[in-house]
Amino acid sequence: MINALSFLPFLIFVPIIASLLCFWFKHNRSVILISVVCHSLLLVVSVCIFIDQANITQQVYVLASWAPPLGIGLSVNSATVVLVLLTSVLTFFYSVYSFIYFKDNPKQPLFWPIWWFLIAGIFALFASNDAFNVYVALEMIGLSAVALVAFDGSINALKAALRYLFVGLVGSLFYLMGVAILYRTYGTLDFNQLPTLVDANPAATLALLFITSGLILKTAIAPLHFWLPDAHGSAPAPVSAMLSALVVKCSFYLIAVYWLQVLPEHAPKAGYYFLGLLGAVSILWGSWRAFKVERLKHLIAYSTVAQLGYLFLLFPLAVQHTETTALYGSTFTASMYLILAHAFAKSALFLAAGDIIHQYGHDNLSKLSGLVKTSAVSTFTFAIAGASLIGLPPSGGFIAKWLLLSEAIETQMWLLVCVILLGGLMASAYIFKVLNIAFSTPSQHANHQVTHKQSAMAWMALVLACCAIALGFNAQSIMAPLMAPPVVVDLPSVHSMPSVHFMGVFV
């Protein structure tokens, strides 16, 4: 029987090959055929890895029989199998949407090689088991994302892309400095080997702080979110969806890996609470800015800042537990479930916004009154995807935020309880602001002339929104893979900092 772990290299090599082929064969039909074949392969591989995760006996796939630290290892765990499958599903929808979105765009042949390179970087990051390989994946993601943000060539897009490029390079520099310190201290960058070499060397703490600073900048958590609204708001709709649903989650995932798996012994006790504080600030500030802006895509982008804040509540909640408990399993499950629900909901919102822009030629909220009459499907998509962001039942967002709220109550962290509840109320404010405009009577001077009719894009966004709602049904069976393999955790308490093995994988 073939171990599903042996399929991991395909997740990286297939998108890279697709990028090269799309660069060589620029004809539209050839690109469609290449994309269909490659996406089909990625879906099959991702499903096989997801189904067979319980039967995987080895935790690291060694390329070319060169074991770490000299060789390159690819790993899989209960988190990455979910993230890999999520990436395969969402990128398939994005690509189909992009074929319609760029149908009449003469720059379309330039889009696909960069697009596939971005996909390769995301898969490489989730599969990497080495700090330097992660850096390479971050650079693949960052450079290709910058190129896609600037794709339409407008002044606003170029400014946003340059700001994104600067932030990405600074973040990568901080990350690389931390990696260099780790290698100088321990002589290895393998995620399996580093926890076994833990000592009292303060250089590792300095490395963790450098790495965290770089990754927080890339995650766009407040107050370092200044680059995200313009970058996501200026990018083409499928690119905005990719950046919000997947790219920023990559950096958060790495922060969690370093703090809870690789270097927990060197993580300052106050650092867990500081990360939680940044999350709380992001929830409140991102929600407020989303309510105040006047462009639809900027509203959705600021909503991303707010929703990312919920993920950072993982850290202060995890540090409250002093031993292996089911409660920590729920904390991890809540974070993963929120990633899933937010990815589907935010993808639906950006894709619906893309359909609206194709019809109206803009996304100025003041000029979208009566939107429901001309874009009923997109309006409905915004409503049900927004319900998941608010955390209304029976959506996936409700399950995730209910788990987080239960954790906060159980640990008596009442400030987080208030933040979670207030964040939901503020999310409802900016969601209903859009719906109120959509259902209002247009003024006599409003221009509702539709220049493009792209109903297929609207229906695709609706499917993703329905997926966000569907996550709330039979949640127990959906959460079961997130809890496997069994979690064996020795969590840091508020009094001490014992070893942590994140997600029950490297034990």
Protein backbone atom coordinates (compact mmCIF):
# COMPACT_ATOMS: atom_id res chain seq x y z
CA MET A 1 0.00 0.00 0.00
CA ILE A 2 1.38 3.42 -1.00
CA ASN A 3 1.75 5.86 1.87
CA ALA A 4 -0.12 9.09 1.17
CA LEU A 5 2.89 10.99 2.48
CA SER A 6 4.77 10.05 -0.69
CA PHE A 7 2.38 12.26 -2.67
CA LEU A 8 3.51 15.43 -0.86
CA PRO A 9 6.11 16.45 -3.51
CA PHE A 10 3.34 16.53 -6.12
CA LEU A 11 1.70 19.42 -4.26
CA ILE A 12 4.77 21.55 -5.03
CA PHE A 13 5.96 20.23 -8.38
CA VAL A 14 2.55 20.18 -10.12
CA PRO A 15 1.91 23.95 -9.69
CA ILE A 16 5.50 24.76 -10.70
CA ILE A 17 5.13 22.68 -13.86
CA ALA A 18 1.76 24.34 -14.51
CA SER A 19 3.41 27.75 -14.18
CA LEU A 20 6.10 26.84 -16.71
CA LEU A 21 3.58 25.36 -19.14
CA CYS A 22 1.31 28.40 -18.90
CA PHE A 23 4.31 30.61 -19.60
CA TRP A 24 5.17 28.53 -22.69
CA PHE A 25 1.66 27.86 -24.03
CA LYS A 26 -0.08 31.22 -23.88
CA HIS A 27 -3.16 30.31 -25.89
CA ASN A 28 -6.32 30.50 -23.83
CA ARG A 29 -7.49 26.96 -24.59
CA SER A 30 -4.09 25.53 -23.73
CA VAL A 31 -4.04 27.39 -20.42
CA ILE A 32 -7.52 26.11 -19.59
CA LEU A 33 -6.51 22.52 -20.35
CA ILE A 34 -3.30 22.82 -18.32
CA SER A 35 -5.16 24.33 -15.37
CA VAL A 36 -7.92 21.74 -15.41
CA VAL A 37 -5.47 18.84 -15.46
CA CYS A 38 -3.24 20.30 -12.75
CA HIS A 39 -6.12 21.27 -10.48
CA SER A 40 -7.57 17.77 -10.87
CA LEU A 41 -4.24 16.25 -9.84
CA LEU A 42 -3.96 18.56 -6.84
CA LEU A 43 -7.48 17.74 -5.70
CA VAL A 44 -6.87 14.00 -5.98
CA VAL A 45 -3.56 14.21 -4.10
CA SER A 46 -5.03 16.44 -1.38
CA VAL A 47 -8.02 14.16 -0.86
CA CYS A 48 -5.76 11.08 -0.69
CA ILE A 49 -3.54 12.71 1.92
CA PHE A 50 -6.56 13.88 3.91
CA ILE A 51 -8.25 10.46 3.88
CA ASP A 52 -5.07 8.52 4.62
CA GLN A 53 -3.72 10.80 7.36
CA ALA A 54 -4.61 8.27 10.07
CA ASN A 55 -2.56 5.58 8.28
CA ILE A 56 0.57 7.69 7.83
CA THR A 57 3.25 5.94 9.86
CA GLN A 58 6.14 8.31 9.24
CA GLN A 59 5.89 12.02 9.93
CA VAL A 60 8.45 13.38 7.48
CA TYR A 61 8.94 12.59 3.79
CA VAL A 62 12.64 12.85 2.94
CA LEU A 63 13.44 14.01 -0.58
CA ALA A 64 16.12 12.04 -2.46
CA SER A 65 16.92 10.03 0.69
CA TRP A 66 18.87 12.97 2.19
CA ALA A 67 17.69 13.20 5.77
CA PRO A 68 17.62 16.51 7.66
CA PRO A 69 19.53 18.62 8.53
CA LEU A 70 21.37 18.15 5.22
CA GLY A 71 18.32 17.15 3.20
CA ILE A 72 14.84 18.56 2.72
CA GLY A 73 11.92 17.07 4.60
CA LEU A 74 8.22 17.51 3.88
CA SER A 75 5.79 16.95 6.72
CA VAL A 76 2.07 16.44 7.27
CA ASN A 77 -0.08 16.76 10.37
CA SER A 78 -3.66 17.26 11.44
CA ALA A 79 -3.45 20.95 10.58
CA THR A 80 -1.62 20.81 7.28
CA VAL A 81 -3.82 18.10 5.77
CA VAL A 82 -6.82 20.38 6.32
CA LEU A 83 -5.00 23.45 5.00
CA VAL A 84 -3.75 21.57 1.95
CA LEU A 85 -7.25 20.33 1.11
CA LEU A 86 -8.66 23.82 1.68
CA THR A 87 -6.05 25.30 -0.66
CA SER A 88 -6.82 22.75 -3.38
CA VAL A 89 -10.56 23.40 -3.24
CA LEU A 90 -10.38 27.19 -3.09
CA THR A 91 -7.73 27.60 -5.78
CA PHE A 92 -9.86 25.46 -8.10
CA PHE A 93 -12.78 27.87 -7.64
CA TYR A 94 -10.52 30.90 -8.00
CA SER A 95 -9.06 29.60 -11.26
CA VAL A 96 -12.44 28.89 -12.81
CA TYR A 97 -13.60 32.35 -11.70
CA SER A 98 -10.44 33.90 -13.16
CA PHE A 99 -11.09 32.42 -16.60
CA ILE A 100 -14.36 34.35 -16.67
CA TYR A 101 -13.00 37.43 -14.93
CA PHE A 102 -10.07 37.87 -17.35
CA LYS A 103 -11.88 36.59 -20.44
CA ASP A 104 -11.53 39.83 -22.38
CA ASN A 105 -8.33 41.03 -20.72
CA PRO A 106 -5.34 41.11 -23.12
CA LYS A 107 -2.98 40.65 -20.15
CA GLN A 108 -4.46 37.26 -19.29
CA PRO A 109 -1.42 35.23 -20.58
CA LEU A 110 0.73 37.07 -18.03
CA PHE A 111 -1.58 36.19 -15.17
CA TRP A 112 -1.43 32.40 -15.15
CA PRO A 113 2.32 31.73 -14.72
CA ILE A 114 2.39 34.05 -11.69
CA TRP A 115 -0.86 32.61 -10.36
CA TRP A 116 0.43 29.05 -10.43
CA PHE A 117 3.73 30.13 -8.87
CA LEU A 118 1.75 31.61 -5.97
CA ILE A 119 -0.15 28.35 -5.54
CA ALA A 120 3.14 26.42 -5.51
CA GLY A 121 4.46 28.71 -2.75
CA ILE A 122 1.41 28.14 -0.55
CA PHE A 123 1.64 24.37 -0.86
CA ALA A 124 5.40 24.50 -0.25
CA LEU A 125 4.91 26.47 2.94
CA PHE A 126 2.31 24.10 4.39
CA ALA A 127 4.43 21.05 3.53
CA SER A 128 7.84 22.37 4.60
CA ASN A 129 9.51 20.99 7.70
CA ASP A 130 12.54 23.28 7.71
CA ALA A 131 12.84 26.95 8.66
CA PHE A 132 14.85 27.93 5.59
CA ASN A 133 12.56 26.08 3.20
CA VAL A 134 9.72 28.02 4.78
CA TYR A 135 11.63 31.22 3.99
CA VAL A 136 11.89 30.17 0.33
CA ALA A 137 8.14 29.49 0.28
CA LEU A 138 7.44 32.89 1.87
CA GLU A 139 9.46 34.57 -0.87
CA MET A 140 7.61 32.63 -3.58
CA ILE A 141 4.31 33.75 -2.08
CA GLY A 142 5.36 37.35 -1.47
CA LEU A 143 6.87 38.13 -4.86
CA SER A 144 4.09 36.49 -6.86
CA ALA A 145 1.42 38.17 -4.71
CA VAL A 146 3.00 41.59 -5.31
CA ALA A 147 3.01 40.99 -9.06
CA LEU A 148 -0.66 39.99 -8.99
CA VAL A 149 -1.67 43.02 -6.90
CA ALA A 150 -0.09 45.27 -9.55
CA PHE A 151 -1.59 43.26 -12.39
CA ASP A 152 -4.03 45.83 -13.79
CA GLY A 153 -1.29 48.50 -13.96
CA SER A 154 -3.30 51.35 -12.42
CA ILE A 155 -1.61 53.96 -10.26
CA ASN A 156 -3.42 52.80 -7.13
CA ALA A 157 -2.52 49.18 -7.80
CA LEU A 158 1.14 50.02 -8.36
CA LYS A 159 1.32 52.07 -5.15
CA ALA A 160 -0.34 49.27 -3.19
CA ALA A 161 1.98 46.69 -4.74
CA LEU A 162 5.10 48.72 -3.91
CA ARG A 163 3.95 49.13 -0.30
CA TYR A 164 3.22 45.40 -0.16
CA LEU A 165 6.65 44.65 -1.62
CA PHE A 166 8.39 46.83 0.96
CA VAL A 167 6.50 45.25 3.84
CA GLY A 168 7.14 41.77 2.48
CA LEU A 169 10.87 42.35 2.12
CA VAL A 170 11.18 43.82 5.62
CA GLY A 171 9.19 40.93 7.06
CA SER A 172 11.34 38.41 5.20
CA LEU A 173 14.51 40.13 6.41
CA PHE A 174 13.42 39.85 10.05
CA TYR A 175 12.43 36.23 9.51
CA LEU A 176 15.75 35.41 7.86
CA MET A 177 17.69 37.06 10.69
CA GLY A 178 15.88 34.81 13.14
CA VAL A 179 16.62 31.74 11.02
CA ALA A 180 20.32 32.68 10.87
CA ILE A 181 20.46 32.94 14.67
CA LEU A 182 18.80 29.54 15.01
CA TYR A 183 21.26 27.91 12.64
CA ARG A 184 24.22 29.55 14.36
CA THR A 185 22.92 28.36 17.75
CA TYR A 186 21.79 24.81 17.01
CA GLY A 187 23.29 23.86 13.64
CA THR A 188 19.93 22.72 12.26
CA LEU A 189 16.71 24.26 11.02
CA ASP A 190 14.59 21.12 11.02
CA PHE A 191 11.30 21.53 12.90
CA ASN A 192 11.64 18.03 14.38
CA GLN A 193 15.19 18.46 15.61
CA LEU A 194 15.01 21.98 17.04
CA PRO A 195 12.69 21.12 19.99
CA THR A 196 15.08 18.35 21.07
CA LEU A 197 18.01 20.77 21.25
CA VAL A 198 16.37 23.22 23.62
CA ASP A 199 18.70 24.83 26.16
CA ALA A 200 18.93 28.06 28.12
CA ASN A 201 20.59 29.98 25.30
CA PRO A 202 18.97 33.45 25.06
CA ALA A 203 19.90 33.57 21.36
CA ALA A 204 16.94 31.31 20.61
CA THR A 205 14.58 33.76 22.32
CA LEU A 206 16.03 36.55 20.19
CA ALA A 207 15.54 34.38 17.09
CA LEU A 208 11.90 33.77 18.01
CA LEU A 209 11.29 37.50 18.45
CA PHE A 210 12.85 38.28 15.03
CA ILE A 211 10.84 35.53 13.35
CA THR A 212 7.61 36.62 15.03
CA SER A 213 8.13 40.28 14.11
CA GLY A 214 8.58 39.42 10.45
CA LEU A 215 5.58 37.09 10.36
CA ILE A 216 3.29 39.53 12.19
CA LEU A 217 4.15 42.14 9.57
CA LYS A 218 3.19 39.68 6.83
CA THR A 219 0.00 38.68 8.64
CA ALA A 220 -1.17 42.31 8.77
CA ILE A 221 -2.35 42.22 12.35
CA ALA A 222 -3.03 45.68 13.82
CA PRO A 223 -1.23 48.05 14.06
CA LEU A 224 0.91 46.61 11.23
CA HIS A 225 -2.02 46.23 8.85
CA PHE A 226 -1.48 49.51 6.97
CA TRP A 227 -0.55 47.74 3.72
CA LEU A 228 -3.39 45.22 3.55
CA PRO A 229 -6.53 47.27 2.70
CA ASP A 230 -4.99 48.92 -0.36
CA ALA A 231 -3.30 45.71 -1.53
CA HIS A 232 -6.46 43.62 -1.23
CA GLY A 233 -8.67 46.44 -2.46
CA SER A 234 -6.59 47.14 -5.58
CA ALA A 235 -5.96 43.56 -6.66
CA PRO A 236 -8.23 41.69 -9.09
CA ALA A 237 -11.10 39.96 -7.29
CA PRO A 238 -9.73 36.37 -7.42
CA VAL A 239 -6.34 37.62 -6.21
CA SER A 240 -7.99 39.50 -3.33
CA ALA A 241 -9.81 36.31 -2.38
CA MET A 242 -6.57 34.31 -2.47
CA LEU A 243 -4.69 36.87 -0.38
CA SER A 244 -7.40 37.08 2.27
CA ALA A 245 -8.39 33.43 2.48
CA LEU A 246 -4.98 31.75 2.19
CA VAL A 247 -1.90 33.99 2.00
CA VAL A 248 -2.27 35.83 5.32
CA LYS A 249 -3.17 32.52 7.02
CA CYS A 250 0.25 31.15 6.04
CA SER A 251 2.01 33.64 8.29
CA PHE A 252 -0.35 33.00 11.19
CA TYR A 253 0.17 29.26 10.85
CA LEU A 254 3.93 29.74 11.07
CA ILE A 255 3.64 31.92 14.17
CA ALA A 256 1.62 29.18 15.85
CA VAL A 257 4.16 26.53 14.82
CA TYR A 258 7.11 28.47 16.23
CA TRP A 259 5.42 29.47 19.49
CA LEU A 260 3.67 26.18 20.24
CA GLN A 261 5.87 23.55 18.61
CA VAL A 262 9.39 24.59 17.71
CA LEU A 263 10.52 27.12 20.34
CA PRO A 264 8.02 27.11 23.22
CA GLU A 265 10.81 26.89 25.81
CA HIS A 266 12.13 30.21 24.58
CA ALA A 267 8.75 31.95 24.22
CA PRO A 268 8.38 34.75 26.80
CA LYS A 269 5.41 34.21 29.05
CA ALA A 270 4.14 37.72 28.36
CA GLY A 271 4.46 37.11 24.63
CA TYR A 272 1.38 34.88 24.54
CA TYR A 273 -0.70 37.64 26.10
CA PHE A 274 0.86 40.26 23.86
CA LEU A 275 -0.15 38.28 20.76
CA GLY A 276 -3.65 38.00 22.19
CA LEU A 277 -3.70 41.76 22.79
CA LEU A 278 -2.76 42.38 19.17
CA GLY A 279 -5.61 40.09 18.18
CA ALA A 280 -8.10 41.99 20.33
CA VAL A 281 -6.96 45.34 18.92
CA SER A 282 -7.28 43.97 15.38
CA ILE A 283 -10.83 42.77 16.01
CA LEU A 284 -12.00 46.15 17.26
CA TRP A 285 -9.98 48.45 15.00
CA GLY A 286 -10.52 46.38 11.84
CA SER A 287 -14.27 46.24 12.46
CA TRP A 288 -14.46 49.99 13.07
CA ARG A 289 -12.52 50.80 9.90
CA ALA A 290 -14.66 48.38 7.91
CA PHE A 291 -17.74 50.29 9.04
CA LYS A 292 -16.26 53.68 8.11
CA VAL A 293 -14.83 53.04 4.62
CA GLU A 294 -16.80 53.85 1.48
CA ARG A 295 -15.47 51.20 -0.91
CA LEU A 296 -16.83 47.67 -0.86
CA LYS A 297 -13.49 45.89 -1.36
CA HIS A 298 -11.83 48.03 1.31
CA LEU A 299 -14.65 47.12 3.69
CA ILE A 300 -14.01 43.43 3.04
CA ALA A 301 -10.26 43.96 3.42
CA TYR A 302 -10.60 45.65 6.82
CA SER A 303 -12.92 42.82 7.79
CA THR A 304 -9.99 40.49 7.12
CA VAL A 305 -7.90 42.43 9.65
CA ALA A 306 -10.68 41.99 12.20
CA GLN A 307 -11.21 38.29 11.56
CA LEU A 308 -7.48 37.57 11.76
CA GLY A 309 -7.60 38.99 15.26
CA TYR A 310 -9.76 36.08 16.41
CA LEU A 311 -7.04 33.64 15.39
CA PHE A 312 -4.52 35.35 17.68
CA LEU A 313 -6.77 34.70 20.66
CA LEU A 314 -5.40 31.15 20.45
CA PHE A 315 -2.24 32.19 22.30
CA PRO A 316 -3.61 33.63 25.58
CA LEU A 317 -6.19 30.83 25.72
CA ALA A 318 -3.58 28.10 25.23
CA VAL A 319 -1.24 29.48 27.87
CA GLN A 320 -3.94 29.15 30.55
CA HIS A 321 -3.73 25.36 30.62
CA THR A 322 -1.11 23.56 32.66
CA GLU A 323 -1.62 20.03 31.42
CA THR A 324 -3.03 17.95 28.58
CA THR A 325 -6.74 18.68 28.38
CA ALA A 326 -9.56 18.38 25.91
CA LEU A 327 -9.98 22.11 26.28
CA TYR A 328 -6.72 22.77 24.43
CA GLY A 329 -7.96 20.47 21.68
CA SER A 330 -11.01 22.69 21.46
CA THR A 331 -8.82 25.79 21.27
CA PHE A 332 -6.91 24.37 18.35
CA THR A 333 -10.12 23.14 16.70
CA ALA A 334 -11.73 26.56 17.12
CA SER A 335 -8.78 28.24 15.39
CA MET A 336 -8.75 25.76 12.53
CA TYR A 337 -12.51 25.95 12.17
CA LEU A 338 -12.31 29.73 12.04
CA ILE A 339 -9.69 29.48 9.29
CA LEU A 340 -12.05 27.28 7.26
CA ALA A 341 -15.14 29.41 7.84
CA HIS A 342 -13.33 32.69 7.18
CA ALA A 343 -11.65 31.34 4.04
CA PHE A 344 -14.95 30.35 2.43
CA ALA A 345 -16.86 33.42 3.58
CA LYS A 346 -14.18 35.94 2.64
CA SER A 347 -13.63 34.25 -0.74
CA ALA A 348 -17.35 34.54 -1.42
CA LEU A 349 -17.37 38.24 -0.49
CA PHE A 350 -14.43 39.18 -2.70
CA LEU A 351 -15.72 37.14 -5.64
CA ALA A 352 -19.17 38.72 -5.26
CA ALA A 353 -17.50 42.14 -5.15
CA GLY A 354 -15.70 41.26 -8.37
CA ASP A 355 -19.02 40.49 -10.04
CA ILE A 356 -20.45 43.80 -8.82
CA ILE A 357 -17.43 45.73 -10.14
CA HIS A 358 -17.79 44.01 -13.51
CA GLN A 359 -21.40 45.18 -13.66
CA TYR A 360 -21.07 48.69 -12.26
CA GLY A 361 -17.47 49.52 -13.06
CA HIS A 362 -16.78 50.58 -9.44
CA ASP A 363 -17.33 49.53 -5.83
CA ASN A 364 -18.25 52.90 -4.32
CA LEU A 365 -20.90 52.09 -1.70
CA SER A 366 -22.64 55.44 -2.06
CA LYS A 367 -23.43 54.58 -5.67
CA LEU A 368 -24.63 51.01 -5.11
CA SER A 369 -28.09 51.78 -3.76
CA GLY A 370 -30.69 49.38 -5.14
CA LEU A 371 -27.98 46.80 -5.79
CA VAL A 372 -30.36 43.94 -5.06
CA LYS A 373 -32.37 44.72 -8.21
CA THR A 374 -29.44 44.29 -10.58
CA SER A 375 -27.23 41.89 -8.57
CA ALA A 376 -29.59 39.79 -6.51
CA VAL A 377 -27.28 36.76 -6.38
CA SER A 378 -24.28 38.80 -5.26
CA THR A 379 -26.40 40.57 -2.64
CA PHE A 380 -27.64 37.24 -1.31
CA THR A 381 -24.06 35.96 -1.29
CA PHE A 382 -22.98 38.96 0.76
CA ALA A 383 -25.78 38.34 3.23
CA ILE A 384 -25.08 34.67 3.93
CA ALA A 385 -21.28 35.03 3.87
CA GLY A 386 -21.66 38.00 6.19
CA ALA A 387 -23.72 35.87 8.55
CA SER A 388 -20.72 33.57 8.95
CA LEU A 389 -18.39 36.53 9.64
CA ILE A 390 -20.78 37.84 12.27
CA GLY A 391 -21.02 34.38 13.80
CA LEU A 392 -24.73 33.75 13.33
CA PRO A 393 -26.03 30.16 13.53
CA PRO A 394 -25.95 27.78 11.77
CA SER A 395 -22.80 28.99 9.99
CA GLY A 396 -19.24 27.74 10.39
CA GLY A 397 -18.31 31.11 11.82
CA PHE A 398 -20.83 30.54 14.62
CA ILE A 399 -19.25 27.19 15.53
CA ALA A 400 -15.74 28.65 15.58
CA LYS A 401 -16.63 31.73 17.62
CA TRP A 402 -18.80 29.71 19.98
CA LEU A 403 -15.81 27.47 20.70
CA LEU A 404 -13.57 30.50 21.27
CA LEU A 405 -16.18 32.09 23.51
CA SER A 406 -16.56 28.88 25.51
CA GLU A 407 -12.78 28.71 25.95
CA ALA A 408 -12.65 32.29 27.18
CA ILE A 409 -15.47 31.70 29.67
CA GLU A 410 -13.94 28.44 30.89
CA THR A 411 -10.60 30.13 31.53
CA GLN A 412 -12.33 33.21 33.02
CA MET A 413 -10.68 35.56 30.53
CA TRP A 414 -13.55 38.02 30.63
CA LEU A 415 -11.80 40.67 28.57
CA LEU A 416 -11.62 38.23 25.66
CA VAL A 417 -15.29 37.38 26.18
CA CYS A 418 -16.16 41.06 25.80
CA VAL A 419 -13.95 41.43 22.72
CA ILE A 420 -15.47 38.39 21.00
CA LEU A 421 -19.03 39.58 21.65
CA LEU A 422 -18.29 43.19 20.71
CA GLY A 423 -16.50 42.04 17.56
CA GLY A 424 -19.61 40.16 16.48
CA LEU A 425 -21.79 43.22 17.02
CA MET A 426 -19.39 45.44 15.05
CA ALA A 427 -19.26 42.88 12.24
CA SER A 428 -23.04 42.96 12.03
CA ALA A 429 -22.85 46.77 11.76
CA TYR A 430 -20.71 46.82 8.62
CA ILE A 431 -22.46 43.84 7.04
CA PHE A 432 -25.90 45.39 7.52
CA LYS A 433 -24.54 48.73 6.32
CA VAL A 434 -23.93 47.14 2.91
CA LEU A 435 -27.26 45.31 2.92
CA ASN A 436 -29.09 48.52 3.83
CA ILE A 437 -27.52 50.23 0.81
CA ALA A 438 -28.31 47.27 -1.42
CA PHE A 439 -32.00 47.29 -0.49
CA SER A 440 -32.42 51.07 -0.46
CA THR A 441 -34.19 52.95 -3.23
CA PRO A 442 -31.68 54.38 -5.73
CA SER A 443 -31.64 58.15 -6.18
CA GLN A 444 -32.72 59.74 -9.43
CA HIS A 445 -29.14 60.54 -10.36
CA ALA A 446 -27.78 57.09 -9.59
CA ASN A 447 -26.22 55.34 -12.54
CA HIS A 448 -27.17 51.67 -12.66
CA GLN A 449 -26.18 50.95 -16.21
CA VAL A 450 -24.73 47.46 -16.35
CA THR A 451 -21.73 47.19 -18.65
CA HIS A 452 -20.89 43.52 -18.11
CA LYS A 453 -23.14 40.62 -17.28
CA GLN A 454 -21.14 37.89 -15.54
CA SER A 455 -23.76 35.81 -13.77
CA ALA A 456 -21.46 32.77 -13.62
CA MET A 457 -19.09 34.64 -11.32
CA ALA A 458 -21.94 35.52 -8.99
CA TRP A 459 -23.08 31.90 -8.78
CA MET A 460 -19.57 30.70 -7.99
CA ALA A 461 -19.35 33.19 -5.12
CA LEU A 462 -22.71 31.91 -3.88
CA VAL A 463 -21.42 28.32 -3.80
CA LEU A 464 -18.51 29.34 -1.57
CA ALA A 465 -20.84 31.30 0.70
CA CYS A 466 -23.05 28.22 1.03
CA CYS A 467 -19.95 26.22 1.99
CA ALA A 468 -19.32 28.68 4.83
CA ILE A 469 -22.86 28.05 6.07
CA ALA A 470 -22.61 24.28 5.51
CA LEU A 471 -19.65 24.11 7.90
CA GLY A 472 -22.13 24.75 10.68
CA PHE A 473 -24.07 21.57 9.98
CA ASN A 474 -22.88 18.29 11.51
CA ALA A 475 -19.88 20.14 12.87
CA GLN A 476 -18.77 17.21 15.02
CA SER A 477 -17.90 15.05 12.01
CA ILE A 478 -16.09 17.96 10.37
CA MET A 479 -14.08 18.68 13.52
CA ALA A 480 -13.04 15.05 13.99
CA PRO A 481 -10.14 15.19 11.47
CA LEU A 482 -8.90 18.34 13.16
CA MET A 483 -8.55 16.43 16.43
CA ALA A 484 -6.50 13.59 14.90
CA PRO A 485 -3.95 12.29 15.60
CA PRO A 486 -4.53 12.38 19.36
CA VAL A 487 -3.23 15.56 20.89
CA VAL A 488 -0.43 15.06 23.43
CA VAL A 489 0.33 18.50 24.76
CA ASP A 490 2.30 19.83 27.67
CA LEU A 491 1.11 23.40 27.67
CA PRO A 492 2.84 26.46 29.08
CA SER A 493 1.20 27.72 32.23
CA VAL A 494 1.19 31.24 33.58
CA HIS A 495 3.84 30.11 36.08
CA SER A 496 6.19 28.05 33.92
CA MET A 497 7.05 27.33 30.32
CA PRO A 498 7.35 23.55 29.77
CA SER A 499 7.77 21.89 26.42
CA VAL A 500 4.97 22.11 23.86
CA HIS A 501 4.37 19.75 20.97
CA PHE A 502 1.95 21.61 18.72
CA MET A 503 -0.99 19.74 17.21
CA GLY A 504 0.09 16.37 18.54
CA VAL A 505 2.28 15.61 15.60
CA PHE A 506 5.90 15.81 16.60
CA VAL A 507 5.83 13.73 19.79
